[in-house]
Protein backbone atom coordinates (compact mmCIF):
# COMPACT_ATOMS: atom_id res chain seq x y z
CA UNK A 1 -0.05 0.02 -0.03
CA UNK A 2 1.47 3.50 -0.90
CA UNK A 3 2.84 5.39 1.91
CA UNK A 4 1.11 8.65 2.91
CA UNK A 5 3.43 11.52 1.84
CA UNK A 6 3.55 13.15 5.13
CA UNK A 7 4.25 12.52 8.83
CA UNK A 8 2.41 13.67 11.84
CA UNK A 9 3.62 16.51 13.83
CA UNK A 10 0.52 17.40 15.95
CA UNK A 11 -1.83 14.95 17.69
CA UNK A 12 -5.17 15.32 19.39
CA UNK A 13 -6.69 12.86 21.97
CA UNK A 14 -9.77 10.95 21.33
CA UNK A 15 -12.41 10.06 23.82
CA UNK A 16 -13.19 6.38 24.87
CA UNK A 17 -16.65 6.41 26.52
CA UNK A 18 -17.98 3.19 28.21
CA UNK A 19 -21.01 1.33 26.62
CA UNK A 20 -23.36 2.89 29.31
CA UNK A 21 -22.10 6.37 28.52
CA UNK A 22 -22.78 5.93 24.77
CA UNK A 23 -26.06 4.59 25.51
CA UNK A 24 -26.99 7.66 27.54
CA UNK A 25 -25.38 10.00 25.10
CA UNK A 26 -27.34 8.70 22.07
CA UNK A 27 -30.57 8.74 23.98
CA UNK A 28 -30.00 12.30 25.00
CA UNK A 29 -29.29 13.08 21.27
CA UNK A 30 -32.59 11.82 20.19
CA UNK A 31 -30.90 8.96 18.63
CA UNK A 32 -29.44 11.28 16.01
CA UNK A 33 -25.72 11.15 15.56
CA UNK A 34 -25.76 14.70 14.39
CA UNK A 35 -26.87 15.75 17.84
CA UNK A 36 -24.05 14.06 19.51
CA UNK A 37 -21.18 16.15 21.01
CA UNK A 38 -17.65 15.68 19.45
CA UNK A 39 -16.19 14.73 22.74
CA UNK A 40 -18.59 11.79 22.79
CA UNK A 41 -17.07 10.27 19.48
CA UNK A 42 -14.11 8.01 19.17
CA UNK A 43 -14.03 7.52 15.48
CA UNK A 44 -15.77 10.44 13.61
CA UNK A 45 -16.84 9.39 10.15
CA UNK A 46 -19.90 11.55 9.98
CA UNK A 47 -18.51 13.85 7.19
CA UNK A 48 -15.33 14.60 5.24
CA UNK A 49 -16.39 18.15 5.00
CA UNK A 50 -14.12 20.53 6.89
CA UNK A 51 -12.75 17.65 9.07
CA UNK A 52 -9.36 17.09 7.64
CA UNK A 53 -5.90 17.87 8.92
CA UNK A 54 -4.00 20.76 7.46
CA UNK A 55 -0.37 20.78 6.60
CA UNK A 56 2.54 22.62 8.12
CA UNK A 57 2.71 24.61 4.79
CA UNK A 58 -0.94 25.66 5.14
CA UNK A 59 -0.34 26.85 8.81
CA UNK A 60 2.61 28.79 7.82
CA UNK A 61 0.77 30.56 5.12
CA UNK A 62 -2.12 31.29 7.41
CA UNK A 63 0.28 33.00 9.83
CA UNK A 64 0.75 35.81 7.17
CA UNK A 65 -2.80 36.13 6.25
CA UNK A 66 -3.98 39.72 5.55
CA UNK A 67 -7.27 40.42 7.23
CA UNK A 68 -7.89 43.72 5.39
CA UNK A 69 -11.60 44.13 4.60
CA UNK A 70 -11.08 44.85 1.05
CA UNK A 71 -8.49 43.96 -1.37
CA UNK A 72 -6.33 41.75 0.93
CA UNK A 73 -3.29 40.06 -0.18
CA UNK A 74 -4.59 36.73 0.71
CA UNK A 75 -7.52 37.23 -1.68
CA UNK A 76 -5.38 37.63 -4.48
CA UNK A 77 -3.26 34.61 -3.64
CA UNK A 78 -6.44 32.60 -3.30
CA UNK A 79 -8.01 34.13 -6.48
CA UNK A 80 -4.96 33.43 -8.58
CA UNK A 81 -4.80 29.83 -7.37
CA UNK A 82 -8.35 29.03 -8.28
CA UNK A 83 -8.27 30.77 -11.52
CA UNK A 84 -5.10 28.89 -12.44
CA UNK A 85 -6.66 25.54 -11.48
CA UNK A 86 -10.00 26.05 -13.11
CA UNK A 87 -9.54 28.54 -15.96
CA UNK A 88 -12.69 30.65 -14.86
CA UNK A 89 -11.97 34.25 -15.30
CA UNK A 90 -14.33 35.38 -12.53
CA UNK A 91 -13.91 33.83 -9.06
CA UNK A 92 -16.16 34.57 -6.00
CA UNK A 93 -15.20 33.31 -2.42
CA UNK A 94 -17.78 31.93 -0.01
CA UNK A 95 -17.69 30.60 3.48
CA UNK A 96 -18.68 27.16 2.20
CA UNK A 97 -20.34 25.30 -0.69
CA UNK A 98 -24.07 25.73 0.27
CA UNK A 99 -23.49 29.41 0.22
CA UNK A 100 -22.29 29.35 -3.16
CA UNK A 101 -25.29 27.11 -4.13
CA UNK A 102 -27.77 29.75 -2.64
CA UNK A 103 -26.09 32.56 -4.52
CA UNK A 104 -25.86 30.66 -7.79
CA UNK A 105 -29.40 29.16 -7.73
CA UNK A 106 -31.17 32.39 -6.59
CA UNK A 107 -29.43 34.34 -9.52
CA UNK A 108 -29.62 31.71 -12.28
CA UNK A 109 -32.69 29.65 -11.65
CA UNK A 110 -36.37 30.83 -11.89
CA UNK A 111 -39.42 29.36 -10.02
CA UNK A 112 -40.70 26.42 -12.24
CA UNK A 113 -37.53 25.60 -13.82
CA UNK A 114 -35.70 22.31 -13.41
CA UNK A 115 -32.04 21.79 -12.29
CA UNK A 116 -30.79 18.39 -13.64
CA UNK A 117 -28.04 16.56 -12.06
CA UNK A 118 -26.42 13.15 -11.93
CA UNK A 119 -27.43 13.27 -8.22
CA UNK A 120 -28.11 16.25 -6.05
CA UNK A 121 -26.85 16.00 -2.43
CA UNK A 122 -28.82 17.26 0.40
CA UNK A 123 -28.11 21.08 0.66
CA UNK A 124 -27.89 21.22 -2.96
CA UNK A 125 -31.40 19.75 -3.43
CA UNK A 126 -32.78 22.00 -0.70
CA UNK A 127 -31.11 25.18 -2.26
CA UNK A 128 -32.67 24.39 -5.71
CA UNK A 129 -36.12 24.03 -4.11
CA UNK A 130 -35.62 27.26 -2.05
CA UNK A 131 -35.14 28.99 -5.40
CA UNK A 132 -38.52 27.67 -6.48
CA UNK A 133 -36.95 25.31 -9.08
CA UNK A 134 -37.32 21.46 -9.23
CA UNK A 135 -34.15 19.30 -8.49
CA UNK A 136 -34.32 16.28 -10.83
CA UNK A 137 -31.73 13.42 -10.81
CA UNK A 138 -30.68 11.48 -13.77
CA UNK A 139 -28.20 8.93 -12.62
CA UNK A 140 -26.83 6.22 -15.14
CA UNK A 141 -28.44 2.96 -15.05
CA UNK A 142 -25.19 1.28 -13.92
CA UNK A 143 -25.56 3.06 -10.59
CA UNK A 144 -28.60 1.01 -9.69
CA UNK A 145 -26.42 -2.13 -9.32
CA UNK A 146 -24.64 -1.62 -6.03
CA UNK A 147 -22.36 -4.65 -6.49
CA UNK A 148 -21.23 -3.68 -10.07
CA UNK A 149 -17.64 -2.81 -10.49
CA UNK A 150 -18.52 -0.41 -13.46
CA UNK A 151 -15.72 2.07 -13.26
CA UNK A 152 -17.85 5.36 -13.58
CA UNK A 153 -21.20 4.78 -11.93
CA UNK A 154 -21.31 8.45 -11.02
CA UNK A 155 -22.16 9.49 -14.67
CA UNK A 156 -25.35 11.07 -15.64
CA UNK A 157 -27.64 9.21 -18.03
CA UNK A 158 -26.97 10.82 -21.26
CA UNK A 159 -29.88 9.37 -23.08
CA UNK A 160 -32.09 10.52 -20.38
CA UNK A 161 -30.74 14.01 -20.46
CA UNK A 162 -30.84 14.25 -24.26
CA UNK A 163 -34.64 13.18 -24.17
CA UNK A 164 -35.41 15.80 -21.54
CA UNK A 165 -33.80 18.55 -23.26
CA UNK A 166 -35.25 17.73 -26.51
CA UNK A 167 -38.77 16.91 -25.11
CA UNK A 168 -41.63 19.01 -23.96
CA UNK A 169 -40.08 19.91 -20.76
CA UNK A 170 -36.74 20.97 -22.36
CA UNK A 171 -37.72 24.82 -22.11
CA UNK A 172 -38.04 24.33 -18.35
CA UNK A 173 -34.35 23.16 -17.76
CA UNK A 174 -32.33 26.13 -16.35
CA UNK A 175 -29.30 24.40 -15.32
CA UNK A 176 -27.32 21.06 -15.78
CA UNK A 177 -25.24 20.54 -12.58
CA UNK A 178 -22.69 17.56 -12.61
CA UNK A 179 -21.49 16.40 -9.10
CA UNK A 180 -18.13 15.14 -9.17
CA UNK A 181 -17.60 12.77 -7.56
CA UNK A 182 -21.31 11.68 -7.18
CA UNK A 183 -21.61 11.67 -3.35
CA UNK A 184 -25.23 10.76 -3.31
CA UNK A 185 -24.61 7.59 -5.28
CA UNK A 186 -21.80 5.87 -3.43
CA UNK A 187 -18.89 8.38 -3.93
CA UNK A 188 -18.62 7.17 -7.55
CA UNK A 189 -16.53 9.19 -10.15
CA UNK A 190 -17.73 10.74 -13.49
CA UNK A 191 -15.74 9.98 -16.60
CA UNK A 192 -14.33 12.82 -18.88
CA UNK A 193 -16.41 11.23 -21.70
CA UNK A 194 -19.52 11.64 -19.66
CA UNK A 195 -18.69 15.44 -18.91
CA UNK A 196 -17.88 15.85 -22.58
CA UNK A 197 -21.23 14.45 -23.70
CA UNK A 198 -23.11 16.66 -21.19
CA UNK A 199 -21.20 19.69 -22.36
CA UNK A 200 -22.09 18.92 -26.04
CA UNK A 201 -25.81 18.62 -25.11
CA UNK A 202 -25.89 21.65 -23.08
CA UNK A 203 -24.30 23.77 -25.98
CA UNK A 204 -26.88 22.24 -28.40
CA UNK A 205 -29.81 23.32 -26.27
CA UNK A 206 -28.29 26.58 -24.72
CA UNK A 207 -28.56 25.36 -21.19
CA UNK A 208 -25.79 26.43 -18.66
CA UNK A 209 -23.63 23.60 -17.52
CA UNK A 210 -21.88 23.82 -14.08
CA UNK A 211 -19.89 21.57 -11.91
CA UNK A 212 -20.35 20.80 -8.18
CA UNK A 213 -16.66 20.20 -7.78
CA UNK A 214 -16.27 19.64 -4.18
CA UNK A 215 -14.22 16.63 -4.79
CA UNK A 216 -12.65 17.58 -8.18
CA UNK A 217 -9.21 16.05 -7.38
CA UNK A 218 -10.68 12.65 -6.23
CA UNK A 219 -12.57 12.46 -9.44
CA UNK A 220 -9.46 13.36 -11.45
CA UNK A 221 -7.53 10.47 -9.75
CA UNK A 222 -10.24 7.92 -10.70
CA UNK A 223 -10.30 9.32 -14.24
CA UNK A 224 -6.45 8.71 -14.38
CA UNK A 225 -6.68 5.28 -13.04
CA UNK A 226 -9.74 3.98 -14.79
CA UNK A 227 -10.47 5.85 -18.11
CA UNK A 228 -8.44 5.04 -21.24
CA UNK A 229 -6.10 7.68 -22.48
CA UNK A 230 -5.44 9.51 -19.10
CA UNK A 231 -2.92 7.30 -17.46
CA UNK A 232 0.00 9.75 -18.20
CA UNK A 233 -1.98 12.72 -17.27
CA UNK A 234 -1.50 14.52 -13.97
CA UNK A 235 -4.66 14.91 -11.58
CA UNK A 236 -4.47 18.77 -12.02
CA UNK A 237 -4.41 18.52 -15.81
CA UNK A 238 -7.39 16.12 -15.71
CA UNK A 239 -9.22 18.64 -13.23
CA UNK A 240 -8.46 21.53 -15.71
CA UNK A 241 -10.01 19.68 -18.57
CA UNK A 242 -13.23 19.01 -16.56
CA UNK A 243 -13.55 22.76 -15.54
CA UNK A 244 -12.80 23.63 -19.34
CA UNK A 245 -15.86 21.74 -20.28
CA UNK A 246 -18.26 23.76 -17.95
CA UNK A 247 -19.60 27.24 -17.83
CA UNK A 248 -18.98 27.60 -14.16
CA UNK A 249 -18.62 25.66 -10.90
CA UNK A 250 -19.45 25.76 -7.32
CA UNK A 251 -16.98 24.08 -4.95
CA UNK A 252 -17.10 23.35 -1.23
CA UNK A 253 -13.51 23.70 -0.40
CA UNK A 254 -13.99 21.98 2.88
CA UNK A 255 -13.30 18.84 0.92
CA UNK A 256 -10.63 19.03 -1.73
CA UNK A 257 -9.46 22.42 -0.59
CA UNK A 258 -8.02 20.63 2.41
CA UNK A 259 -9.34 23.31 4.88
CA UNK A 260 -11.89 23.50 7.59
CA UNK A 261 -14.00 26.30 6.01
CA UNK A 262 -14.32 27.87 2.52
CA UNK A 263 -15.71 27.62 -0.84
CA UNK A 264 -15.95 29.54 -4.18
CA UNK A 265 -17.83 30.19 -7.40
CA UNK A 266 -16.09 30.12 -10.71
CA UNK A 267 -17.90 31.92 -13.64
CA UNK A 268 -17.25 32.63 -17.30
CA UNK A 269 -20.18 34.94 -18.01
CA UNK A 270 -19.70 38.63 -17.09
CA UNK A 271 -23.45 39.22 -16.58
CA UNK A 272 -23.95 36.30 -14.29
CA UNK A 273 -20.87 37.28 -12.35
CA UNK A 274 -22.08 40.84 -11.73
CA UNK A 275 -25.43 39.38 -10.45
CA UNK A 276 -23.85 36.90 -8.08
CA UNK A 277 -21.25 39.35 -6.96
CA UNK A 278 -24.01 41.76 -5.78
CA UNK A 279 -25.79 39.03 -3.88
CA UNK A 280 -22.51 37.98 -2.33
CA UNK A 281 -21.80 41.39 -1.03
CA UNK A 282 -25.27 41.84 0.34
CA UNK A 283 -25.28 38.44 2.14
CA UNK A 284 -21.98 36.94 2.61
CA UNK A 285 -19.29 39.82 2.68
CA UNK A 286 -17.18 41.73 0.30
CA UNK A 287 -16.23 40.09 -3.00
CA UNK A 288 -12.66 39.84 -1.86
CA UNK A 289 -13.52 37.80 1.33
CA UNK A 290 -16.89 36.32 1.02
CA UNK A 291 -17.14 35.46 4.69
CA UNK A 292 -13.67 34.15 4.94
CA UNK A 293 -10.72 35.48 6.95
CA UNK A 294 -7.40 36.09 5.42
CA UNK A 295 -5.78 32.97 7.16
CA UNK A 296 -8.62 30.63 5.65
CA UNK A 297 -7.92 32.09 2.02
CA UNK A 298 -4.11 31.41 2.62
CA UNK A 299 -4.84 27.80 3.82
CA UNK A 300 -7.09 27.21 0.82
CA UNK A 301 -4.49 28.52 -1.69
CA UNK A 302 -1.96 26.00 -0.34
CA UNK A 303 -4.45 23.37 -0.10
CA UNK A 304 -5.55 23.43 -3.71
CA UNK A 305 -1.89 22.75 -4.63
CA UNK A 306 -1.53 19.82 -2.07
CA UNK A 307 -4.73 18.08 -3.08
CA UNK A 308 -3.75 17.21 -6.66
CA UNK A 309 -0.37 15.73 -5.42
CA UNK A 310 -0.51 12.23 -7.00
CA UNK A 311 1.33 10.78 -3.93
CA UNK A 312 -1.44 12.19 -1.61
CA UNK A 313 -4.35 10.89 -3.82
CA UNK A 314 -2.80 7.63 -4.36
CA UNK A 315 -2.24 7.07 -0.57
CA UNK A 316 -5.60 8.19 0.27
CA UNK A 317 -7.33 5.85 -2.31
CA UNK A 318 -5.30 2.96 -1.05
CA UNK A 319 -6.25 3.62 2.66
CA UNK A 320 -9.85 3.74 1.81
CA UNK A 321 -9.68 0.65 -0.36
CA UNK A 322 -7.96 -1.31 2.38
CA UNK A 323 -10.80 -0.49 4.80
CA UNK A 324 -13.28 -1.44 2.09
CA UNK A 325 -11.61 -4.98 1.92
CA UNK A 326 -11.68 -5.30 5.70
CA UNK A 327 -15.35 -4.42 5.99
CA UNK A 328 -16.16 -6.98 3.07
CA UNK A 329 -14.05 -9.49 5.06
CA UNK A 330 -16.21 -8.71 8.23
CA UNK A 331 -19.21 -9.83 6.20
CA UNK A 332 -20.58 -6.42 5.36
CA UNK A 333 -21.31 -5.41 1.79
CA UNK A 334 -20.44 -2.00 0.42
CA UNK A 335 -21.44 0.00 -2.69
CA UNK A 336 -18.87 -1.11 -5.26
CA UNK A 337 -16.36 -0.04 -6.38
CA UNK A 338 -14.97 1.51 -3.36
CA UNK A 339 -14.96 5.40 -3.36
CA UNK A 340 -12.27 7.57 -1.93
CA UNK A 341 -13.99 10.06 0.17
CA UNK A 342 -16.51 7.58 1.56
CA UNK A 343 -17.74 4.13 1.83
CA UNK A 344 -21.26 3.17 1.75
CA UNK A 345 -22.38 0.17 3.69
CA UNK A 346 -25.41 -1.78 2.41
CA UNK A 347 -27.61 -1.77 5.58
CA UNK A 348 -30.63 -3.09 3.80
CA UNK A 349 -28.87 -6.34 2.95
CA UNK A 350 -27.23 -6.73 6.43
CA UNK A 351 -30.45 -6.05 8.28
CA UNK A 352 -33.18 -7.78 6.27
CA UNK A 353 -35.35 -8.17 9.24
CA UNK A 354 -35.85 -4.44 9.52
CA UNK A 355 -38.35 -2.87 6.75
CA UNK A 356 -37.54 0.43 5.26
CA UNK A 357 -40.10 2.14 7.72
CA UNK A 358 -37.81 0.97 10.59
CA UNK A 359 -34.84 2.71 9.00
CA UNK A 360 -32.29 0.05 8.71
CA UNK A 361 -29.54 2.39 7.57
CA UNK A 362 -30.10 4.56 10.68
CA UNK A 363 -30.20 1.52 12.96
CA UNK A 364 -26.92 0.31 11.73
CA UNK A 365 -25.46 3.71 12.08
CA UNK A 366 -26.58 3.92 15.63
CA UNK A 367 -25.32 0.43 16.52
CA UNK A 368 -21.81 1.45 15.20
CA UNK A 369 -21.85 4.28 17.77
CA UNK A 370 -23.39 2.24 20.52
CA UNK A 371 -20.76 -0.65 20.04
CA UNK A 372 -17.85 1.22 19.19
CA UNK A 373 -18.18 5.12 19.43
CA UNK A 374 -18.09 5.28 15.69
CA UNK A 375 -20.24 8.10 14.06
CA UNK A 376 -21.60 7.92 10.62
CA UNK A 377 -24.51 9.04 8.61
CA UNK A 378 -27.51 7.29 7.08
CA UNK A 379 -28.41 7.53 3.34
CA UNK A 380 -31.61 5.73 3.07
CA UNK A 381 -35.22 6.10 3.92
CA UNK A 382 -34.76 8.46 6.93
CA UNK A 383 -32.83 10.75 4.55
CA UNK A 384 -34.47 10.22 1.20
CA UNK A 385 -37.96 8.74 1.91
CA UNK A 386 -41.07 10.61 1.98
CA UNK A 387 -43.20 10.89 5.03
CA UNK A 388 -46.88 11.55 5.96
CA UNK A 389 -47.97 14.24 8.52
CA UNK A 390 -47.50 11.57 11.22
CA UNK A 391 -43.80 10.87 10.29
CA UNK A 392 -44.78 7.60 8.79
CA UNK A 393 -42.86 6.40 5.66
CA UNK A 394 -44.79 6.69 2.42
CA UNK A 395 -42.19 6.16 -0.23
CA UNK A 396 -38.97 4.34 0.61
CA UNK A 397 -35.54 5.23 -0.69
CA UNK A 398 -34.03 3.00 -3.43
CA UNK A 399 -31.32 1.78 -1.03
CA UNK A 400 -30.73 1.55 2.54
CA UNK A 401 -27.14 2.82 2.99
CA UNK A 402 -24.74 4.14 5.66
CA UNK A 403 -21.99 6.50 4.62
CA UNK A 404 -18.55 6.20 6.41
CA UNK A 405 -17.04 9.53 5.38
CA UNK A 406 -13.20 9.49 5.54
CA UNK A 407 -11.62 12.76 6.92
CA UNK A 408 -8.39 13.62 5.13
CA UNK A 409 -5.11 12.95 6.70
CA UNK A 410 -6.68 12.35 10.03
CA UNK A 411 -7.09 8.48 10.97
CA UNK A 412 -4.41 5.77 10.75
CA UNK A 413 -4.73 2.28 9.54
CA UNK A 414 -5.22 1.11 13.15
CA UNK A 415 -8.34 3.32 13.43
CA UNK A 416 -9.62 1.74 10.32
CA UNK A 417 -9.05 -1.62 11.66
CA UNK A 418 -11.05 -0.60 14.78
CA UNK A 419 -14.00 0.31 12.60
CA UNK A 420 -13.87 -2.96 10.57
CA UNK A 421 -13.79 -4.89 13.85
CA UNK A 422 -16.80 -3.02 15.18
CA UNK A 423 -18.56 -3.87 11.98
CA UNK A 424 -17.49 -7.54 12.11
CA UNK A 425 -18.96 -7.74 15.70
CA UNK A 426 -22.33 -6.28 14.52
CA UNK A 427 -22.39 -8.81 11.41
CA UNK A 428 -22.14 -11.69 13.74
CA UNK A 429 -25.54 -11.10 15.37
CA UNK A 430 -27.47 -8.48 13.03
CA UNK A 431 -30.84 -9.46 14.12
CA UNK A 432 -30.28 -7.95 17.56
CA UNK A 433 -30.39 -4.53 16.05
CA UNK A 434 -33.81 -2.80 16.57
CA UNK A 435 -35.50 -0.30 14.30
CA UNK A 436 -36.27 3.28 14.98
CA UNK A 437 -39.46 5.64 14.76
CA UNK A 438 -39.44 9.38 14.30
CA UNK A 439 -40.50 11.48 17.18
CA UNK A 440 -40.21 14.99 15.61
CA UNK A 441 -38.78 16.39 12.53
CA UNK A 442 -37.88 19.64 10.84
CA UNK A 443 -39.75 20.62 7.40
CA UNK A 444 -36.59 20.46 5.39
CA UNK A 445 -33.31 18.67 5.60
CA UNK A 446 -34.88 16.28 7.93
CA UNK A 447 -31.85 14.04 8.69
CA UNK A 448 -29.77 16.78 10.28
CA UNK A 449 -32.26 17.66 13.31
CA UNK A 450 -34.75 14.63 13.42
CA UNK A 451 -35.25 13.02 16.74
CA UNK A 452 -36.10 9.42 17.03
CA UNK A 453 -36.76 6.48 19.51
CA UNK A 454 -36.04 2.82 19.28
CA UNK A 455 -38.74 0.36 18.49
CA UNK A 456 -38.69 -1.99 21.42
CA UNK A 457 -39.24 -5.56 20.62
């Protein structure tokens, strides 16, 4: 397995609660891992967003951050780095990706329009709907086979997109947004051929084409590894080609920016840039900081260089693949092939005694915490299902999954072995796991603040 291209200079202690303490903590949190305190978690795989470790070079750059309100030196370093990476002439900083989504969708989409994607993730879907538009997913057919090792299951269904754009609803499509990698469908990458086909269709029909590029470097790595013709390309060159195909991008830099906060919009159109900039200034901050401190901009400028290092990407991919093999050896299936930023456990297959209405993905996630202090996130019927007014499941999600998101440069192989061992213990007696029912839920983005209770046998 490739060695990580770094050594550890600063460490942080992690807590080890007793089983009784974990039971009490989860009950107090309404059986929602999002409500747990960080000091109640042993291994935190809830998200890879803003949870990575920064480098010595990033912290050195942060020390000279310029905190001027307008025109800070740090802004120009950040802007030049983003422009060189993406090729977009206009760059707007935002404090995180969902802020960029809100600004872009509020400016570009009109009520009643359709935003088409390979898969909208949670906040993206919510921000499309808050703009009055419809979020419509067109994943490729290969994505529906969780066990398939097809290399690019994150692709959009090009035939379905072509039919939509040429059909009676074509005039309603206001935006095509491609997520790289496809977080909602198992961290699966998108091929350059697929992006090129989408680019051509959008040009033909006059529809803006944007990238949700939170994990642009990881997608570029898989293109290099799996798509013919790219083996000799650098990840940075592959990423640049992807950006060259798009009219713009929105990026949460809390992922492949290798920092705890930050994001950006990249735009080609002068008029769209002016409208987005006006909204940014009104709601996020002046256009040379966008809600970020100068030291944040400095960390991001360095992180965007470090993230495309082939040695870093190769080691990260190998570490996640090793965890995937250990989980499979423990008797738990995952969405194949293994992703880089996350692994997706097939909870529906592991817990067939629980119906979708009992939320098997959520049940497995809770048991991981109860047994080992491991926090993760459900991507099943609790997250994606539709409910009636009594919080009863009406339409189940297509799959009952649990996401183990892997923070960047944080955990060692020993930590991952511990996660696999915890799963192995669960897999030995899965029928002991109980389902859950909803007690209360917010009107949107249910999974963040929902409270539940176990269904006692």
